[in-house]
Every structure is written in structure tokens, then in C-alpha cells.
N, C-alpha and C. Protein backbone atom coordinates (compact mmCIF):
# COMPACT_ATOMS: atom_id res chain seq x y z
N MET A 1 96.62 108.35 107.90
CA MET A 1 97.65 107.91 106.98
C MET A 1 97.62 106.39 106.93
N ASP A 2 97.62 105.85 105.72
CA ASP A 2 97.51 104.40 105.54
C ASP A 2 98.78 103.64 105.92
N ARG A 3 99.92 104.16 105.55
CA ARG A 3 101.18 103.46 105.81
C ARG A 3 101.85 104.03 107.05
N ASP A 4 102.87 103.32 107.53
CA ASP A 4 103.58 103.78 108.73
C ASP A 4 104.46 104.99 108.45
N LYS A 5 105.01 105.09 107.23
CA LYS A 5 105.92 106.19 106.90
C LYS A 5 105.84 106.51 105.42
N ILE A 6 105.96 107.80 105.10
CA ILE A 6 106.03 108.24 103.71
C ILE A 6 107.09 109.32 103.61
N GLU A 7 107.88 109.26 102.54
CA GLU A 7 108.88 110.27 102.27
C GLU A 7 108.47 111.02 101.01
N ILE A 8 108.46 112.35 101.10
CA ILE A 8 107.92 113.19 100.04
C ILE A 8 108.93 114.28 99.69
N THR A 9 109.08 114.55 98.40
CA THR A 9 109.84 115.70 97.94
C THR A 9 108.90 116.58 97.12
N LEU A 10 108.81 117.85 97.49
CA LEU A 10 108.08 118.85 96.73
C LEU A 10 109.15 119.69 96.04
N ALA A 11 109.03 119.92 94.74
CA ALA A 11 110.05 120.67 94.03
C ALA A 11 109.44 121.56 92.95
N GLY A 12 110.07 122.70 92.76
CA GLY A 12 109.60 123.63 91.75
C GLY A 12 110.58 124.78 91.62
N SER A 13 110.12 125.85 91.03
CA SER A 13 110.94 127.05 90.88
C SER A 13 110.67 127.98 92.06
N GLY A 14 111.69 128.76 92.41
CA GLY A 14 111.51 129.76 93.45
C GLY A 14 110.33 130.65 93.09
N GLY A 15 109.50 130.95 94.04
CA GLY A 15 108.32 131.77 93.80
C GLY A 15 107.05 130.96 93.59
N GLN A 16 107.16 129.63 93.46
CA GLN A 16 105.98 128.79 93.28
C GLN A 16 105.36 128.35 94.60
N GLY A 17 105.97 128.69 95.70
CA GLY A 17 105.39 128.35 97.00
C GLY A 17 105.68 126.94 97.47
N ILE A 18 106.76 126.35 97.01
CA ILE A 18 107.13 124.99 97.41
C ILE A 18 107.44 124.92 98.89
N ILE A 19 108.20 125.88 99.39
CA ILE A 19 108.58 125.88 100.80
C ILE A 19 107.34 126.05 101.67
N LEU A 20 106.46 126.96 101.31
CA LEU A 20 105.21 127.15 102.06
C LEU A 20 104.37 125.89 102.05
N ALA A 21 104.26 125.23 100.91
CA ALA A 21 103.48 123.98 100.83
C ALA A 21 104.05 122.93 101.77
N GLY A 22 105.38 122.82 101.82
CA GLY A 22 106.02 121.87 102.73
C GLY A 22 105.75 122.21 104.18
N LEU A 23 105.81 123.48 104.52
CA LEU A 23 105.54 123.91 105.89
C LEU A 23 104.09 123.61 106.29
N ILE A 24 103.18 123.84 105.38
CA ILE A 24 101.76 123.58 105.67
C ILE A 24 101.51 122.08 105.85
N LEU A 25 102.10 121.26 104.99
CA LEU A 25 101.93 119.81 105.14
C LEU A 25 102.56 119.32 106.45
N ALA A 26 103.74 119.84 106.78
CA ALA A 26 104.40 119.47 108.04
C ALA A 26 103.56 119.87 109.24
N ASP A 27 103.00 121.06 109.20
CA ASP A 27 102.16 121.58 110.27
C ASP A 27 100.90 120.71 110.42
N ALA A 28 100.26 120.41 109.29
CA ALA A 28 99.04 119.59 109.32
C ALA A 28 99.31 118.20 109.88
N ALA A 29 100.41 117.60 109.46
CA ALA A 29 100.75 116.24 109.90
C ALA A 29 101.22 116.21 111.35
N GLY A 30 102.12 117.12 111.70
CA GLY A 30 102.72 117.10 113.03
C GLY A 30 101.86 117.71 114.11
N ILE A 31 101.41 118.93 113.90
CA ILE A 31 100.65 119.63 114.93
C ILE A 31 99.20 119.15 114.98
N GLU A 32 98.56 119.09 113.82
CA GLU A 32 97.14 118.75 113.79
C GLU A 32 96.86 117.26 113.97
N GLU A 33 97.70 116.40 113.40
CA GLU A 33 97.39 114.97 113.44
C GLU A 33 98.34 114.17 114.33
N GLY A 34 99.30 114.83 114.93
CA GLY A 34 100.18 114.17 115.90
C GLY A 34 101.14 113.14 115.32
N LEU A 35 101.43 113.23 114.04
CA LEU A 35 102.38 112.32 113.42
C LEU A 35 103.80 112.83 113.65
N GLU A 36 104.76 111.95 113.51
CA GLU A 36 106.16 112.34 113.57
C GLU A 36 106.50 113.00 112.23
N ILE A 37 107.28 114.07 112.27
CA ILE A 37 107.56 114.81 111.04
C ILE A 37 108.97 115.40 111.06
N VAL A 38 109.64 115.29 109.92
CA VAL A 38 110.88 116.03 109.68
C VAL A 38 110.67 116.73 108.35
N GLN A 39 110.93 118.04 108.33
CA GLN A 39 110.78 118.81 107.10
C GLN A 39 112.05 119.63 106.90
N THR A 40 112.64 119.52 105.72
CA THR A 40 113.84 120.29 105.39
C THR A 40 113.62 120.98 104.05
N VAL A 41 114.39 122.05 103.82
CA VAL A 41 114.26 122.79 102.58
C VAL A 41 115.62 122.98 101.94
N GLU A 42 115.59 123.18 100.63
CA GLU A 42 116.80 123.44 99.87
C GLU A 42 116.42 124.38 98.74
N TYR A 43 117.16 125.45 98.60
CA TYR A 43 116.91 126.35 97.48
C TYR A 43 118.20 127.06 97.11
N GLY A 44 118.29 127.43 95.86
CA GLY A 44 119.47 128.11 95.35
C GLY A 44 119.50 129.56 95.77
N PRO A 45 120.55 130.26 95.42
CA PRO A 45 120.68 131.66 95.83
C PRO A 45 119.72 132.60 95.10
N GLU A 46 119.11 132.11 94.04
CA GLU A 46 118.18 132.94 93.29
C GLU A 46 116.88 133.11 94.08
N ALA A 47 116.38 134.33 94.15
CA ALA A 47 115.12 134.57 94.85
C ALA A 47 113.95 134.01 94.06
N ARG A 48 114.04 134.09 92.75
CA ARG A 48 112.98 133.58 91.87
C ARG A 48 113.59 132.72 90.78
N LEU A 49 112.86 131.75 90.36
CA LEU A 49 113.17 130.88 89.23
C LEU A 49 114.24 129.81 89.49
N GLY A 50 115.06 129.94 90.51
CA GLY A 50 115.97 128.86 90.85
C GLY A 50 115.17 127.70 91.41
N THR A 51 115.70 126.50 91.36
CA THR A 51 114.99 125.33 91.85
C THR A 51 114.92 125.34 93.38
N SER A 52 113.74 125.06 93.90
CA SER A 52 113.57 124.92 95.35
C SER A 52 112.98 123.55 95.64
N ARG A 53 113.27 123.08 96.85
CA ARG A 53 112.87 121.72 97.23
C ARG A 53 112.51 121.70 98.71
N SER A 54 111.47 120.98 99.02
CA SER A 54 111.07 120.77 100.40
C SER A 54 110.88 119.26 100.59
N ASP A 55 111.63 118.68 101.52
CA ASP A 55 111.54 117.25 101.80
C ASP A 55 110.80 117.03 103.11
N LEU A 56 109.97 116.00 103.12
CA LEU A 56 109.23 115.65 104.33
C LEU A 56 109.30 114.15 104.57
N VAL A 57 109.54 113.79 105.81
CA VAL A 57 109.39 112.42 106.27
C VAL A 57 108.25 112.48 107.27
N ILE A 58 107.19 111.76 107.00
CA ILE A 58 106.01 111.73 107.87
C ILE A 58 105.82 110.29 108.31
N SER A 59 105.71 110.08 109.63
CA SER A 59 105.69 108.72 110.15
C SER A 59 104.79 108.59 111.36
N LYS A 60 104.25 107.41 111.55
CA LYS A 60 103.48 107.09 112.76
C LYS A 60 104.41 106.72 113.90
N LYS A 61 105.66 106.38 113.57
CA LYS A 61 106.65 105.94 114.56
C LYS A 61 107.80 106.95 114.59
N PRO A 62 108.63 106.90 115.61
CA PRO A 62 109.79 107.81 115.64
C PRO A 62 110.64 107.67 114.37
N ILE A 63 111.14 108.79 113.89
CA ILE A 63 111.93 108.82 112.66
C ILE A 63 113.39 108.65 113.03
N SER A 64 114.02 107.61 112.48
CA SER A 64 115.41 107.32 112.83
C SER A 64 116.41 108.04 111.92
N TYR A 65 115.99 108.39 110.69
CA TYR A 65 116.88 109.07 109.76
C TYR A 65 116.10 110.19 109.08
N PRO A 66 116.54 111.43 109.23
CA PRO A 66 115.72 112.57 108.79
C PRO A 66 115.87 112.99 107.33
N LYS A 67 116.74 112.37 106.57
CA LYS A 67 117.01 112.83 105.21
C LYS A 67 116.21 112.00 104.19
N VAL A 68 115.71 112.67 103.17
CA VAL A 68 115.02 111.98 102.07
C VAL A 68 116.00 111.84 100.91
N HIS A 69 116.36 110.61 100.58
CA HIS A 69 117.22 110.37 99.42
C HIS A 69 116.40 109.87 98.23
N TYR A 70 115.47 108.96 98.49
CA TYR A 70 114.64 108.36 97.45
C TYR A 70 113.18 108.45 97.90
N PRO A 71 112.50 109.54 97.52
CA PRO A 71 111.14 109.73 98.00
C PRO A 71 110.14 108.71 97.43
N ASP A 72 109.11 108.48 98.22
CA ASP A 72 107.97 107.68 97.74
C ASP A 72 107.16 108.50 96.74
N VAL A 73 107.11 109.82 96.98
CA VAL A 73 106.33 110.73 96.15
C VAL A 73 107.17 111.96 95.83
N LEU A 74 107.18 112.33 94.57
CA LEU A 74 107.81 113.57 94.11
C LEU A 74 106.74 114.41 93.45
N LEU A 75 106.51 115.60 93.97
CA LEU A 75 105.60 116.56 93.36
C LEU A 75 106.46 117.61 92.68
N VAL A 76 106.37 117.74 91.36
CA VAL A 76 107.16 118.73 90.63
C VAL A 76 106.25 119.72 89.93
N LEU A 77 106.59 121.00 90.09
CA LEU A 77 105.77 122.06 89.52
C LEU A 77 106.50 122.86 88.46
N SER A 78 107.72 122.45 88.09
CA SER A 78 108.46 123.13 87.02
C SER A 78 109.30 122.12 86.25
N GLN A 79 109.63 122.49 85.02
CA GLN A 79 110.46 121.62 84.18
C GLN A 79 111.84 121.43 84.80
N GLY A 80 112.41 122.50 85.32
CA GLY A 80 113.73 122.41 85.94
C GLY A 80 113.75 121.45 87.12
N ALA A 81 112.69 121.48 87.92
CA ALA A 81 112.60 120.56 89.07
C ALA A 81 112.44 119.12 88.59
N TYR A 82 111.64 118.92 87.56
CA TYR A 82 111.50 117.57 87.01
C TYR A 82 112.85 117.06 86.50
N ASN A 83 113.52 117.88 85.72
CA ASN A 83 114.82 117.47 85.16
C ASN A 83 115.81 117.12 86.26
N LYS A 84 115.80 117.87 87.33
CA LYS A 84 116.77 117.68 88.40
C LYS A 84 116.46 116.49 89.31
N PHE A 85 115.17 116.23 89.54
CA PHE A 85 114.81 115.28 90.59
C PHE A 85 114.08 114.01 90.15
N HIS A 86 113.65 113.89 88.89
CA HIS A 86 112.79 112.76 88.53
C HIS A 86 113.46 111.40 88.71
N ARG A 87 114.76 111.35 88.70
CA ARG A 87 115.46 110.06 88.82
C ARG A 87 115.63 109.60 90.27
N ILE A 88 115.28 110.42 91.25
CA ILE A 88 115.50 110.03 92.65
C ILE A 88 114.33 109.26 93.25
N VAL A 89 113.21 109.21 92.57
CA VAL A 89 112.00 108.57 93.11
C VAL A 89 112.18 107.05 93.16
N LYS A 90 111.69 106.45 94.24
CA LYS A 90 111.74 104.99 94.36
C LYS A 90 111.02 104.35 93.17
N LYS A 91 111.46 103.19 92.77
CA LYS A 91 110.82 102.50 91.64
C LYS A 91 109.35 102.23 91.89
N SER A 92 109.00 102.04 93.15
CA SER A 92 107.59 101.80 93.51
C SER A 92 106.87 103.11 93.82
N GLY A 93 107.54 104.25 93.60
CA GLY A 93 106.98 105.55 93.96
C GLY A 93 106.13 106.18 92.88
N THR A 94 105.84 107.46 93.09
CA THR A 94 104.97 108.22 92.19
C THR A 94 105.53 109.61 91.97
N ILE A 95 105.49 110.04 90.72
CA ILE A 95 105.78 111.44 90.39
C ILE A 95 104.46 112.10 90.03
N ILE A 96 104.17 113.22 90.69
CA ILE A 96 103.00 114.04 90.39
C ILE A 96 103.52 115.31 89.75
N MET A 97 102.98 115.69 88.60
CA MET A 97 103.49 116.89 87.93
C MET A 97 102.38 117.74 87.34
N ASP A 98 102.69 119.01 87.19
CA ASP A 98 101.81 119.97 86.55
C ASP A 98 102.13 120.00 85.06
N THR A 99 101.18 119.62 84.23
CA THR A 99 101.43 119.52 82.79
C THR A 99 101.58 120.87 82.10
N PHE A 100 101.17 121.94 82.74
CA PHE A 100 101.37 123.26 82.16
C PHE A 100 102.85 123.66 82.21
N ASN A 101 103.50 123.33 83.31
CA ASN A 101 104.89 123.72 83.53
C ASN A 101 105.90 122.62 83.20
N VAL A 102 105.46 121.38 83.16
CA VAL A 102 106.35 120.26 82.85
C VAL A 102 105.83 119.61 81.57
N LYS A 103 106.50 119.90 80.48
CA LYS A 103 106.05 119.39 79.19
C LYS A 103 106.94 118.27 78.66
N ASP A 104 108.19 118.27 79.04
CA ASP A 104 109.15 117.30 78.52
C ASP A 104 109.41 116.22 79.57
N TYR A 105 108.64 115.14 79.50
CA TYR A 105 108.82 114.02 80.42
C TYR A 105 108.45 112.74 79.70
N LYS A 106 108.92 111.64 80.22
CA LYS A 106 108.54 110.36 79.66
C LYS A 106 108.60 109.30 80.75
N LYS A 107 107.81 108.29 80.58
CA LYS A 107 107.80 107.16 81.50
C LYS A 107 109.00 106.29 81.18
N GLU A 108 109.87 106.15 82.16
CA GLU A 108 111.06 105.33 81.96
C GLU A 108 110.72 103.88 82.30
N PRO A 109 111.38 102.93 81.63
CA PRO A 109 111.10 101.52 81.91
C PRO A 109 111.42 101.18 83.37
N ASN A 110 110.61 100.33 83.95
CA ASN A 110 110.80 99.88 85.34
C ASN A 110 110.86 101.04 86.33
N CYS A 111 110.13 102.07 86.04
CA CYS A 111 110.16 103.24 86.92
C CYS A 111 108.82 103.43 87.60
N CYS A 112 108.75 104.49 88.26
CA CYS A 112 107.59 104.81 89.09
C CYS A 112 106.36 105.20 88.25
N GLU A 113 105.25 105.34 88.96
CA GLU A 113 104.01 105.81 88.35
C GLU A 113 104.13 107.31 88.10
N ILE A 114 103.54 107.78 87.02
CA ILE A 114 103.51 109.22 86.74
C ILE A 114 102.06 109.68 86.69
N LEU A 115 101.76 110.68 87.50
CA LEU A 115 100.44 111.32 87.48
C LEU A 115 100.63 112.73 86.96
N ALA A 116 100.26 112.98 85.72
CA ALA A 116 100.42 114.29 85.09
C ALA A 116 99.06 114.96 85.05
N LEU A 117 98.93 116.05 85.80
CA LEU A 117 97.66 116.77 85.90
C LEU A 117 97.85 118.23 85.53
N PRO A 118 96.82 118.85 84.97
CA PRO A 118 96.92 120.26 84.58
C PRO A 118 96.60 121.20 85.75
N PHE A 119 97.42 121.16 86.80
CA PHE A 119 97.15 121.96 88.00
C PHE A 119 96.97 123.45 87.69
N THR A 120 97.85 123.99 86.84
CA THR A 120 97.76 125.43 86.53
C THR A 120 96.44 125.74 85.83
N ASP A 121 96.04 124.92 84.88
CA ASP A 121 94.78 125.14 84.17
C ASP A 121 93.59 125.02 85.12
N ILE A 122 93.62 124.03 85.99
CA ILE A 122 92.52 123.83 86.94
C ILE A 122 92.39 125.02 87.87
N VAL A 123 93.51 125.48 88.41
CA VAL A 123 93.45 126.58 89.37
C VAL A 123 93.01 127.88 88.69
N ARG A 124 93.39 128.06 87.44
CA ARG A 124 92.90 129.25 86.70
C ARG A 124 91.39 129.18 86.49
N ASP A 125 90.90 127.99 86.10
CA ASP A 125 89.47 127.82 85.85
C ASP A 125 88.63 127.90 87.12
N LYS A 126 89.08 127.23 88.17
CA LYS A 126 88.27 127.10 89.39
C LYS A 126 88.48 128.22 90.39
N ILE A 127 89.69 128.76 90.47
CA ILE A 127 90.01 129.78 91.47
C ILE A 127 90.17 131.16 90.84
N GLY A 128 90.62 131.19 89.57
CA GLY A 128 90.76 132.45 88.87
C GLY A 128 92.17 133.00 88.83
N THR A 129 93.11 132.34 89.48
CA THR A 129 94.50 132.80 89.48
C THR A 129 95.45 131.62 89.68
N PRO A 130 96.60 131.65 89.00
CA PRO A 130 97.59 130.59 89.21
C PRO A 130 98.41 130.78 90.49
N LEU A 131 98.18 131.87 91.19
CA LEU A 131 98.92 132.21 92.39
C LEU A 131 98.92 131.11 93.45
N VAL A 132 97.84 130.33 93.51
CA VAL A 132 97.71 129.31 94.57
C VAL A 132 97.77 127.89 94.00
N MET A 133 98.44 127.73 92.87
CA MET A 133 98.57 126.41 92.27
C MET A 133 99.26 125.43 93.21
N ASN A 134 100.21 125.91 94.00
CA ASN A 134 100.91 125.06 94.96
C ASN A 134 99.94 124.43 95.96
N MET A 135 98.94 125.19 96.38
CA MET A 135 97.97 124.69 97.36
C MET A 135 97.02 123.68 96.73
N LEU A 136 96.66 123.90 95.47
CA LEU A 136 95.83 122.93 94.76
C LEU A 136 96.58 121.60 94.66
N ALA A 137 97.84 121.65 94.27
CA ALA A 137 98.65 120.44 94.15
C ALA A 137 98.84 119.77 95.52
N LEU A 138 99.03 120.58 96.55
CA LEU A 138 99.18 120.03 97.91
C LEU A 138 97.91 119.32 98.36
N GLY A 139 96.76 119.91 98.09
CA GLY A 139 95.49 119.26 98.44
C GLY A 139 95.34 117.92 97.73
N PHE A 140 95.69 117.89 96.45
CA PHE A 140 95.62 116.63 95.69
C PHE A 140 96.55 115.59 96.30
N LEU A 141 97.79 115.95 96.55
CA LEU A 141 98.79 115.04 97.13
C LEU A 141 98.32 114.49 98.47
N ALA A 142 97.83 115.36 99.33
CA ALA A 142 97.41 114.93 100.68
C ALA A 142 96.27 113.92 100.62
N ARG A 143 95.31 114.14 99.73
CA ARG A 143 94.19 113.20 99.62
C ARG A 143 94.57 111.92 98.88
N LYS A 144 95.32 112.06 97.81
CA LYS A 144 95.70 110.90 96.99
C LYS A 144 96.42 109.85 97.82
N PHE A 145 97.29 110.29 98.73
CA PHE A 145 98.07 109.36 99.53
C PHE A 145 97.57 109.28 100.98
N ASN A 146 96.39 109.84 101.21
CA ASN A 146 95.74 109.79 102.53
C ASN A 146 96.72 110.17 103.64
N ILE A 147 97.39 111.29 103.45
CA ILE A 147 98.41 111.73 104.41
C ILE A 147 97.79 112.46 105.59
N VAL A 148 96.96 113.45 105.30
CA VAL A 148 96.29 114.22 106.36
C VAL A 148 94.87 114.55 105.92
N LYS A 149 94.05 114.89 106.88
CA LYS A 149 92.66 115.28 106.61
C LYS A 149 92.62 116.70 106.04
N LEU A 150 91.57 116.98 105.30
CA LEU A 150 91.36 118.31 104.74
C LEU A 150 91.35 119.37 105.84
N GLU A 151 90.66 119.11 106.93
CA GLU A 151 90.56 120.09 108.02
C GLU A 151 91.94 120.41 108.61
N SER A 152 92.81 119.43 108.65
CA SER A 152 94.17 119.67 109.17
C SER A 152 94.93 120.63 108.26
N LEU A 153 94.78 120.45 106.95
CA LEU A 153 95.43 121.36 106.01
C LEU A 153 94.87 122.78 106.13
N LEU A 154 93.56 122.88 106.24
CA LEU A 154 92.93 124.21 106.34
C LEU A 154 93.35 124.93 107.61
N THR A 155 93.46 124.20 108.72
CA THR A 155 93.91 124.80 109.98
C THR A 155 95.37 125.24 109.85
N ALA A 156 96.18 124.45 109.18
CA ALA A 156 97.59 124.81 108.97
C ALA A 156 97.70 126.08 108.11
N VAL A 157 96.83 126.22 107.12
CA VAL A 157 96.82 127.44 106.31
C VAL A 157 96.48 128.64 107.19
N GLU A 158 95.50 128.48 108.05
CA GLU A 158 95.14 129.59 108.95
C GLU A 158 96.33 130.00 109.82
N ARG A 159 97.10 129.05 110.25
CA ARG A 159 98.24 129.33 111.11
C ARG A 159 99.44 129.91 110.34
N ARG A 160 99.65 129.47 109.10
CA ARG A 160 100.87 129.81 108.35
C ARG A 160 100.73 130.93 107.32
N VAL A 161 99.53 131.14 106.80
CA VAL A 161 99.34 132.09 105.70
C VAL A 161 98.65 133.35 106.20
N ARG A 162 99.25 134.47 105.91
CA ARG A 162 98.66 135.76 106.32
C ARG A 162 97.87 136.40 105.18
N LYS A 163 98.44 136.35 103.98
CA LYS A 163 97.84 137.00 102.82
C LYS A 163 97.13 135.97 101.95
N TYR A 164 95.99 136.30 101.42
CA TYR A 164 95.23 135.44 100.51
C TYR A 164 94.85 134.10 101.15
N GLN A 165 94.52 134.13 102.42
CA GLN A 165 94.17 132.91 103.14
C GLN A 165 92.96 132.22 102.52
N ASP A 166 91.95 132.99 102.15
CA ASP A 166 90.74 132.38 101.56
C ASP A 166 91.04 131.71 100.22
N LEU A 167 91.87 132.35 99.38
CA LEU A 167 92.24 131.74 98.10
C LEU A 167 93.02 130.45 98.31
N ASN A 168 93.94 130.46 99.28
CA ASN A 168 94.73 129.26 99.56
C ASN A 168 93.83 128.13 100.04
N LYS A 169 92.89 128.43 100.91
CA LYS A 169 91.98 127.40 101.41
C LYS A 169 91.09 126.87 100.29
N LYS A 170 90.62 127.76 99.44
CA LYS A 170 89.78 127.33 98.31
C LYS A 170 90.56 126.40 97.38
N ALA A 171 91.83 126.73 97.13
CA ALA A 171 92.67 125.90 96.27
C ALA A 171 92.93 124.53 96.90
N ILE A 172 93.17 124.50 98.19
CA ILE A 172 93.38 123.21 98.87
C ILE A 172 92.12 122.36 98.77
N ARG A 173 90.97 122.96 99.01
CA ARG A 173 89.70 122.21 98.89
C ARG A 173 89.52 121.65 97.48
N GLU A 174 89.82 122.48 96.49
CA GLU A 174 89.68 122.04 95.09
C GLU A 174 90.63 120.89 94.78
N GLY A 175 91.87 121.00 95.21
CA GLY A 175 92.84 119.94 95.00
C GLY A 175 92.46 118.66 95.72
N TYR A 176 91.93 118.81 96.92
CA TYR A 176 91.52 117.64 97.72
C TYR A 176 90.36 116.90 97.06
N SER A 177 89.58 117.61 96.25
CA SER A 177 88.42 116.99 95.60
C SER A 177 88.76 116.36 94.25
N LEU A 178 89.98 116.58 93.73
CA LEU A 178 90.36 116.01 92.43
C LEU A 178 90.46 114.49 92.50
N GLU A 179 90.07 113.86 91.44
CA GLU A 179 90.17 112.39 91.34
C GLU A 179 91.45 111.98 90.67
């Protein structure tokens, strides 16, 4: 990891695997790479389609405050998540979004960087199913901000994912290779 600390919010609709992506990143950073980590989750009462959120504070030093109020990075995988959370990102931060699911967005003046990528289209083309789009986006995020090594993510998938482990690993590799 290049910086001493990064605060990340992953957000999407229930069923998109946001919580799992947060757990895998926390596992890769904390267990595999020995970084300090706090990971929290928030989701509505809806089992599917309600907004879900996973916050992570990843640091080389002890973490003095565990809550993410203004993330350095916001990864959004649904329009509802974008609408709800796009204003919380630090001005010097970055919003990463899936252009298939987030169509209504704009760059606000004096705001953060926006990286709009077609994650759903890429995962359909390269993996054959949108089921693991969360892992593709996670791989991209991890490499883009040099948070954890690819091997750490793959080991975390082995530890956390029981079903479709090979598809999840393939999606992470594909996301990690995106420019």
C-alpha cells in the first residue's frame, strides 16, 4: 500500500455481493498483508435490492477512529448507491462506478475524480456471467490504489467463498488486470 491509510466505501444493491467484497478485502489486507483493518457493514431490511454498504479503514498504523465518514474511494455498483453516497467522498477522492448500473451521474465542480467503467459488460464478456461483477470491481479497486497484492485477494477468496470459487478468482484476476 502506497499511503499510510485509506478509507473505502463499497456500495450497491443487496444481492450484488458488496458485503462479501468488503470481507475479502479486509481479509486480504489484515490477515494476508498484516495491515490494520476495520470493516463495518450497513444494509437495509430488504434481502435484495435495498442499498448495502461496506466501509473499510486500512492502515499501516493503529487506527484511532473506526468510522468512515468521508471515504477516499467510493465504489458504487448501483444507481441507488450512487444517489445515496456520491456526496460523501472527499474532494481529493475517487468514485469508481459500473456504467451498466449507474447511468445518471455527473462530475460536480470541485469534486472528486470519477472512474466510470463497464464492469458488468466486462464480466459478461470475459467471465460469461454478471454473478461475479463485485469481484471484478474489487480486483480493479485493489490494484488501482495499490491496496493489496493479487495473491492476497485470491487467498482471501479461498478462505471466504465456498461456491463458485474459481469464477470469483477469475473475476478478481480480470479486474486486477484492467487499466
